[in-house]
N, C-alpha and C. Protein backbone atom coordinates (compact mmCIF):
# COMPACT_ATOMS: atom_id res chain seq x y z
N UNK A 1 15.49 44.34 -9.18
CA UNK A 1 15.36 43.46 -8.15
C UNK A 1 16.59 42.63 -8.04
N UNK A 2 16.94 41.99 -6.52
CA UNK A 2 18.08 41.43 -6.56
C UNK A 2 17.98 39.89 -6.91
N UNK A 3 19.05 39.28 -7.06
CA UNK A 3 18.91 37.67 -7.49
C UNK A 3 18.08 37.10 -6.48
N UNK A 4 18.08 37.31 -5.04
CA UNK A 4 17.34 36.47 -4.34
C UNK A 4 15.86 36.73 -4.49
N UNK A 5 15.47 38.00 -4.70
CA UNK A 5 13.97 38.29 -5.04
C UNK A 5 13.66 37.57 -6.28
N UNK A 6 14.54 37.53 -7.42
CA UNK A 6 14.14 36.66 -8.71
C UNK A 6 13.97 35.33 -8.53
N UNK A 7 14.81 34.78 -7.71
CA UNK A 7 14.59 33.45 -7.37
C UNK A 7 13.48 33.06 -6.60
N UNK A 8 13.03 33.82 -5.73
CA UNK A 8 11.58 33.68 -4.96
C UNK A 8 10.51 33.78 -5.90
N UNK A 9 10.63 34.76 -6.63
CA UNK A 9 9.46 34.98 -7.57
C UNK A 9 9.26 33.83 -8.78
N UNK A 10 10.68 33.48 -9.30
CA UNK A 10 10.60 32.32 -10.19
C UNK A 10 10.03 31.05 -9.42
N UNK A 11 10.36 30.81 -8.24
CA UNK A 11 9.74 29.63 -7.35
C UNK A 11 8.27 29.56 -7.49
N UNK A 12 7.75 30.74 -7.07
CA UNK A 12 6.27 31.09 -6.73
C UNK A 12 5.83 31.08 -8.30
N UNK A 13 6.11 31.66 -9.11
CA UNK A 13 5.37 31.56 -10.51
C UNK A 13 5.51 30.13 -11.00
N UNK A 14 6.30 29.34 -10.84
CA UNK A 14 6.58 27.96 -11.30
C UNK A 14 5.62 27.25 -10.28
N UNK A 15 5.43 27.25 -9.03
CA UNK A 15 4.54 26.62 -8.27
C UNK A 15 3.06 26.82 -8.48
N UNK A 16 2.76 28.00 -8.77
CA UNK A 16 1.34 28.34 -8.87
C UNK A 16 0.80 28.60 -10.34
N UNK A 17 1.76 28.56 -11.01
CA UNK A 17 1.59 28.74 -12.57
C UNK A 17 0.86 30.29 -12.84
N UNK A 18 1.68 31.24 -12.08
CA UNK A 18 1.23 32.71 -12.34
C UNK A 18 2.30 33.41 -12.70
N UNK A 19 2.12 34.57 -12.98
CA UNK A 19 3.12 35.65 -13.52
C UNK A 19 3.20 36.93 -12.87
N UNK A 20 4.42 37.16 -12.16
CA UNK A 20 4.41 38.14 -11.29
C UNK A 20 5.58 39.11 -11.93
N UNK A 21 5.11 40.25 -12.30
CA UNK A 21 5.79 41.30 -12.99
C UNK A 21 6.60 42.25 -11.93
N UNK A 22 7.67 42.76 -12.48
CA UNK A 22 8.28 43.73 -11.47
C UNK A 22 7.27 44.76 -10.89
N UNK A 23 6.51 45.38 -11.93
CA UNK A 23 5.55 46.42 -11.27
C UNK A 23 4.25 46.05 -10.50
N UNK A 24 4.34 44.60 -10.10
CA UNK A 24 3.43 44.09 -9.20
C UNK A 24 4.14 44.16 -7.77
N UNK A 25 5.44 44.29 -7.78
CA UNK A 25 6.09 44.47 -6.53
C UNK A 25 6.43 45.94 -6.17
N UNK A 26 7.01 46.58 -7.35
CA UNK A 26 7.31 47.95 -7.33
C UNK A 26 6.80 48.73 -8.54
N UNK A 27 6.06 49.87 -8.24
CA UNK A 27 5.31 50.56 -9.37
C UNK A 27 6.52 51.43 -9.94
N UNK A 28 7.09 51.12 -10.88
CA UNK A 28 8.31 51.81 -11.54
C UNK A 28 8.01 53.24 -11.88
N UNK A 29 6.66 53.38 -12.52
CA UNK A 29 6.42 54.63 -12.95
C UNK A 29 6.14 55.66 -12.03
N UNK A 30 5.44 55.26 -10.89
CA UNK A 30 5.15 55.95 -9.59
C UNK A 30 6.48 56.19 -9.15
N UNK A 31 7.47 55.30 -8.92
CA UNK A 31 8.73 55.74 -8.33
C UNK A 31 9.42 56.86 -9.02
N UNK A 32 9.42 56.74 -10.45
CA UNK A 32 10.06 57.87 -11.13
C UNK A 32 9.43 59.18 -10.99
N UNK A 33 7.85 59.18 -10.94
CA UNK A 33 7.23 60.37 -10.66
C UNK A 33 7.51 60.99 -9.49
N UNK A 34 7.54 60.31 -8.51
CA UNK A 34 7.84 60.85 -6.99
C UNK A 34 9.39 61.39 -6.87
N UNK A 35 10.43 60.80 -7.70
CA UNK A 35 11.72 61.31 -7.45
C UNK A 35 11.73 62.39 -8.38
N UNK A 36 11.24 62.60 -9.55
CA UNK A 36 11.31 63.82 -10.32
C UNK A 36 10.54 64.80 -9.63
N UNK A 37 9.35 64.72 -9.08
CA UNK A 37 8.93 65.70 -8.53
C UNK A 37 9.47 66.06 -6.87
N UNK A 38 10.64 65.48 -6.81
CA UNK A 38 11.28 65.77 -5.53
C UNK A 38 10.53 65.58 -4.19
N UNK A 39 9.39 64.77 -4.40
CA UNK A 39 8.53 64.54 -3.14
C UNK A 39 9.40 63.77 -2.08
N UNK A 40 10.16 62.75 -2.55
CA UNK A 40 11.06 61.85 -1.89
C UNK A 40 12.28 61.55 -2.66
N UNK A 41 13.45 61.21 -1.73
CA UNK A 41 14.51 60.67 -2.58
C UNK A 41 14.39 59.46 -2.89
N UNK A 42 15.41 58.82 -3.74
CA UNK A 42 15.60 57.31 -3.88
C UNK A 42 15.59 56.48 -2.89
N UNK A 43 16.51 57.13 -1.71
CA UNK A 43 16.74 56.27 -0.59
C UNK A 43 15.31 56.21 0.19
N UNK A 44 14.75 57.33 0.34
CA UNK A 44 13.45 57.16 1.09
C UNK A 44 12.41 56.10 0.38
N UNK A 45 12.32 56.12 -0.78
CA UNK A 45 11.49 55.21 -1.50
C UNK A 45 11.84 53.99 -1.31
N UNK A 46 13.29 53.58 -1.48
CA UNK A 46 13.79 52.35 -1.23
C UNK A 46 13.74 51.94 0.18
N UNK A 47 13.52 52.72 1.11
CA UNK A 47 13.50 52.23 2.46
C UNK A 47 12.02 51.87 2.78
N UNK A 48 11.08 52.72 2.28
CA UNK A 48 9.71 52.50 2.15
C UNK A 48 9.55 51.08 1.51
N UNK A 49 9.91 50.88 0.30
CA UNK A 49 9.75 49.32 -0.34
C UNK A 49 10.33 48.34 0.96
N UNK A 50 11.29 48.45 1.28
CA UNK A 50 12.06 47.48 2.15
C UNK A 50 11.05 47.24 3.38
N UNK A 51 10.69 48.13 3.79
CA UNK A 51 9.45 48.05 5.06
C UNK A 51 8.36 47.41 4.69
N UNK A 52 7.85 47.54 3.37
CA UNK A 52 6.34 47.32 2.98
C UNK A 52 6.72 45.75 2.30
N UNK A 53 7.74 45.32 1.68
CA UNK A 53 7.91 43.95 1.14
C UNK A 53 8.11 42.86 2.24
N UNK A 54 6.89 42.67 2.68
CA UNK A 54 6.86 41.52 4.10
C UNK A 54 6.40 40.21 3.37
N UNK A 55 6.43 39.15 4.29
CA UNK A 55 5.88 37.89 3.91
C UNK A 55 4.52 37.91 3.69
N UNK A 56 3.57 38.90 4.37
CA UNK A 56 2.28 39.06 4.15
C UNK A 56 2.06 39.71 2.75
N UNK A 57 2.75 40.67 2.47
CA UNK A 57 2.69 41.33 1.28
C UNK A 57 2.89 40.41 0.03
N UNK A 58 3.85 39.53 0.31
CA UNK A 58 4.18 38.62 -0.92
C UNK A 58 2.90 37.42 -0.97
N UNK A 59 2.44 36.93 0.16
CA UNK A 59 1.19 36.21 0.26
C UNK A 59 -0.03 36.68 -0.48
N UNK A 60 -0.09 37.98 -0.18
CA UNK A 60 -1.19 38.55 -0.62
C UNK A 60 -1.19 38.76 -2.09
N UNK A 61 0.11 39.35 -2.74
CA UNK A 61 0.16 39.11 -4.06
C UNK A 61 0.19 37.97 -4.73
N UNK A 62 0.46 36.83 -4.31
CA UNK A 62 0.60 35.60 -4.91
C UNK A 62 -1.26 35.08 -4.97
N UNK A 63 -1.82 35.36 -3.93
CA UNK A 63 -3.26 35.19 -3.79
C UNK A 63 -4.02 36.02 -4.69
N UNK A 64 -3.70 37.12 -5.01
CA UNK A 64 -4.19 38.17 -5.83
C UNK A 64 -4.04 37.55 -7.41
N UNK A 65 -2.64 37.23 -7.70
CA UNK A 65 -2.38 36.60 -8.97
C UNK A 65 -3.14 35.44 -9.21
N UNK A 66 -3.42 34.37 -8.17
CA UNK A 66 -4.16 33.29 -8.40
C UNK A 66 -5.62 33.50 -8.72
N UNK A 67 -6.12 34.67 -7.95
CA UNK A 67 -7.42 35.01 -8.27
C UNK A 67 -7.91 35.65 -9.66
N UNK A 68 -6.79 36.36 -10.01
CA UNK A 68 -6.86 36.82 -11.45
C UNK A 68 -6.74 35.90 -12.47
N UNK A 69 -5.97 34.74 -12.27
CA UNK A 69 -5.79 33.96 -13.25
C UNK A 69 -7.11 32.88 -13.17
N UNK A 70 -7.68 32.83 -12.14
CA UNK A 70 -8.91 32.01 -12.04
C UNK A 70 -10.18 32.69 -11.80
N UNK A 71 -10.30 33.88 -12.55
CA UNK A 71 -11.36 34.72 -12.55
C UNK A 71 -12.43 34.00 -12.96
N UNK A 72 -13.57 34.19 -12.17
CA UNK A 72 -15.01 33.43 -12.34
C UNK A 72 -15.13 32.12 -11.72
N UNK A 73 -13.98 31.70 -11.27
CA UNK A 73 -14.13 30.27 -10.55
C UNK A 73 -14.28 30.58 -9.15
N UNK A 74 -15.30 29.93 -8.33
CA UNK A 74 -15.52 29.90 -6.93
C UNK A 74 -14.40 29.41 -6.16
N UNK A 75 -14.18 28.13 -6.39
CA UNK A 75 -13.28 27.48 -5.56
C UNK A 75 -11.84 27.63 -6.24
N UNK A 76 -10.92 28.47 -5.75
CA UNK A 76 -9.56 28.42 -6.02
C UNK A 76 -8.79 27.21 -5.82
N UNK A 77 -7.88 27.04 -6.57
CA UNK A 77 -7.18 25.74 -6.58
C UNK A 77 -6.22 25.80 -5.17
N UNK A 78 -5.84 26.95 -4.60
CA UNK A 78 -4.97 27.01 -3.48
C UNK A 78 -5.90 27.85 -2.44
N UNK A 79 -5.94 27.61 -1.11
CA UNK A 79 -6.53 28.23 -0.21
C UNK A 79 -5.28 29.35 0.57
N UNK A 80 -5.72 29.94 1.40
CA UNK A 80 -4.72 30.90 1.91
C UNK A 80 -3.60 30.05 2.82
N UNK A 81 -4.05 29.13 3.40
CA UNK A 81 -3.01 28.22 4.22
C UNK A 81 -1.98 27.59 3.24
N UNK A 82 -2.45 27.13 2.15
CA UNK A 82 -1.50 26.57 1.28
C UNK A 82 -0.51 27.72 0.73
N UNK A 83 -1.00 29.04 0.30
CA UNK A 83 -0.31 29.84 -0.44
C UNK A 83 0.86 30.15 0.75
N UNK A 84 0.43 30.52 1.97
CA UNK A 84 1.27 30.86 3.28
C UNK A 84 2.39 29.64 3.19
N UNK A 85 1.94 28.51 3.06
CA UNK A 85 2.85 27.25 3.30
C UNK A 85 4.03 27.31 2.12
N UNK A 86 3.65 27.51 0.96
CA UNK A 86 4.44 27.52 -0.27
C UNK A 86 5.21 28.78 -0.41
N UNK A 87 4.68 29.94 0.02
CA UNK A 87 5.51 31.01 0.06
C UNK A 87 6.69 30.89 0.97
N UNK A 88 6.18 30.37 2.37
CA UNK A 88 7.62 30.12 3.43
C UNK A 88 8.32 29.09 2.96
N UNK A 89 8.03 28.15 2.24
CA UNK A 89 8.90 27.10 1.66
C UNK A 89 9.89 27.89 0.32
N UNK A 90 9.33 28.69 -0.24
CA UNK A 90 10.12 29.24 -1.19
C UNK A 90 11.25 30.18 -0.55
N UNK A 91 10.97 31.00 0.41
CA UNK A 91 11.83 31.80 1.32
C UNK A 91 12.73 30.94 1.80
N UNK A 92 12.34 29.83 2.67
CA UNK A 92 13.29 29.15 3.31
C UNK A 92 14.40 28.54 2.10
N UNK A 93 13.86 28.06 1.18
CA UNK A 93 14.91 27.50 0.28
C UNK A 93 15.83 28.56 -0.40
N UNK A 94 15.11 29.81 -0.79
CA UNK A 94 15.94 30.66 -1.50
C UNK A 94 16.91 31.43 -0.80
N UNK A 95 16.66 31.64 0.65
CA UNK A 95 17.42 32.57 1.55
C UNK A 95 18.03 31.50 2.66
N UNK A 96 17.66 30.33 2.64
CA UNK A 96 18.26 29.55 3.70
C UNK A 96 18.02 30.13 5.06
N UNK A 97 17.03 30.46 5.35
CA UNK A 97 16.46 30.94 6.36
C UNK A 97 15.73 29.72 7.29
N UNK A 98 15.48 29.93 8.60
CA UNK A 98 14.86 28.93 9.57
C UNK A 98 13.36 29.24 9.33
N UNK A 99 12.47 28.09 9.39
CA UNK A 99 10.96 28.17 9.40
C UNK A 99 10.52 29.15 10.46
N UNK A 100 11.25 29.24 11.61
CA UNK A 100 10.39 30.22 12.67
C UNK A 100 10.89 31.68 12.34
N UNK A 101 11.73 31.90 11.27
CA UNK A 101 12.07 33.19 10.85
C UNK A 101 10.78 33.77 10.18
N UNK A 102 10.07 32.88 9.44
CA UNK A 102 8.79 33.42 8.57
C UNK A 102 7.73 33.60 9.20
N UNK A 103 7.56 34.79 9.35
CA UNK A 103 6.55 35.53 10.25
C UNK A 103 5.84 36.51 9.10
N UNK A 104 4.52 36.69 9.23
CA UNK A 104 3.71 37.71 8.20
C UNK A 104 4.51 39.16 8.22
N UNK A 105 4.84 39.57 9.03
CA UNK A 105 5.38 40.86 9.17
C UNK A 105 6.88 40.87 8.91
N UNK A 106 7.48 39.75 8.78
CA UNK A 106 8.96 39.75 8.63
C UNK A 106 9.25 40.52 7.14
N UNK A 107 10.09 41.27 7.23
CA UNK A 107 10.73 41.94 6.08
C UNK A 107 11.59 41.03 5.23
N UNK A 108 11.23 40.71 4.05
CA UNK A 108 12.08 40.03 2.98
C UNK A 108 13.49 40.38 2.85
N UNK A 109 13.72 41.61 2.79
CA UNK A 109 15.14 42.13 2.63
C UNK A 109 15.92 42.33 3.76
N UNK A 110 15.17 43.23 4.81
CA UNK A 110 15.71 43.48 6.14
C UNK A 110 15.91 42.34 6.99
N UNK A 111 14.78 41.66 7.21
CA UNK A 111 14.67 40.61 8.31
C UNK A 111 15.24 39.35 7.81
N UNK A 112 14.99 38.92 6.65
CA UNK A 112 15.41 37.60 5.94
C UNK A 112 16.58 37.67 5.27
N UNK A 113 16.98 38.85 4.94
CA UNK A 113 18.40 38.91 4.09
C UNK A 113 18.41 38.82 2.69
N UNK A 114 17.28 38.86 2.09
CA UNK A 114 17.15 38.78 0.60
C UNK A 114 17.91 40.00 -0.06
N UNK A 115 18.88 39.59 -1.12
CA UNK A 115 19.43 40.56 -1.65
C UNK A 115 18.85 41.02 -2.99
């Protein structure tokens, strides 16, 4: 993961008191298996990841981690709107992008310029 992505993940982990592992973003073992089997090239997998790693993907991941942390609790400490707000805030601060650039389908690397 690039420095920008690590910064974003750190901000979200701190804000929500959750843990986001690299494998939550990219399944390293699956990546290696696909490359070894020559089903796809490293570049093809990278391009798929870049297209899949959107603002919505990140919001869904944060929500999933909050649910896992609060398993068995009906009322989660954060609703979807709050999650989306804080994810957008982390992206704006880490990437110096404008708020209007943060859309659910915006690709964090390709559209927002994360390294």
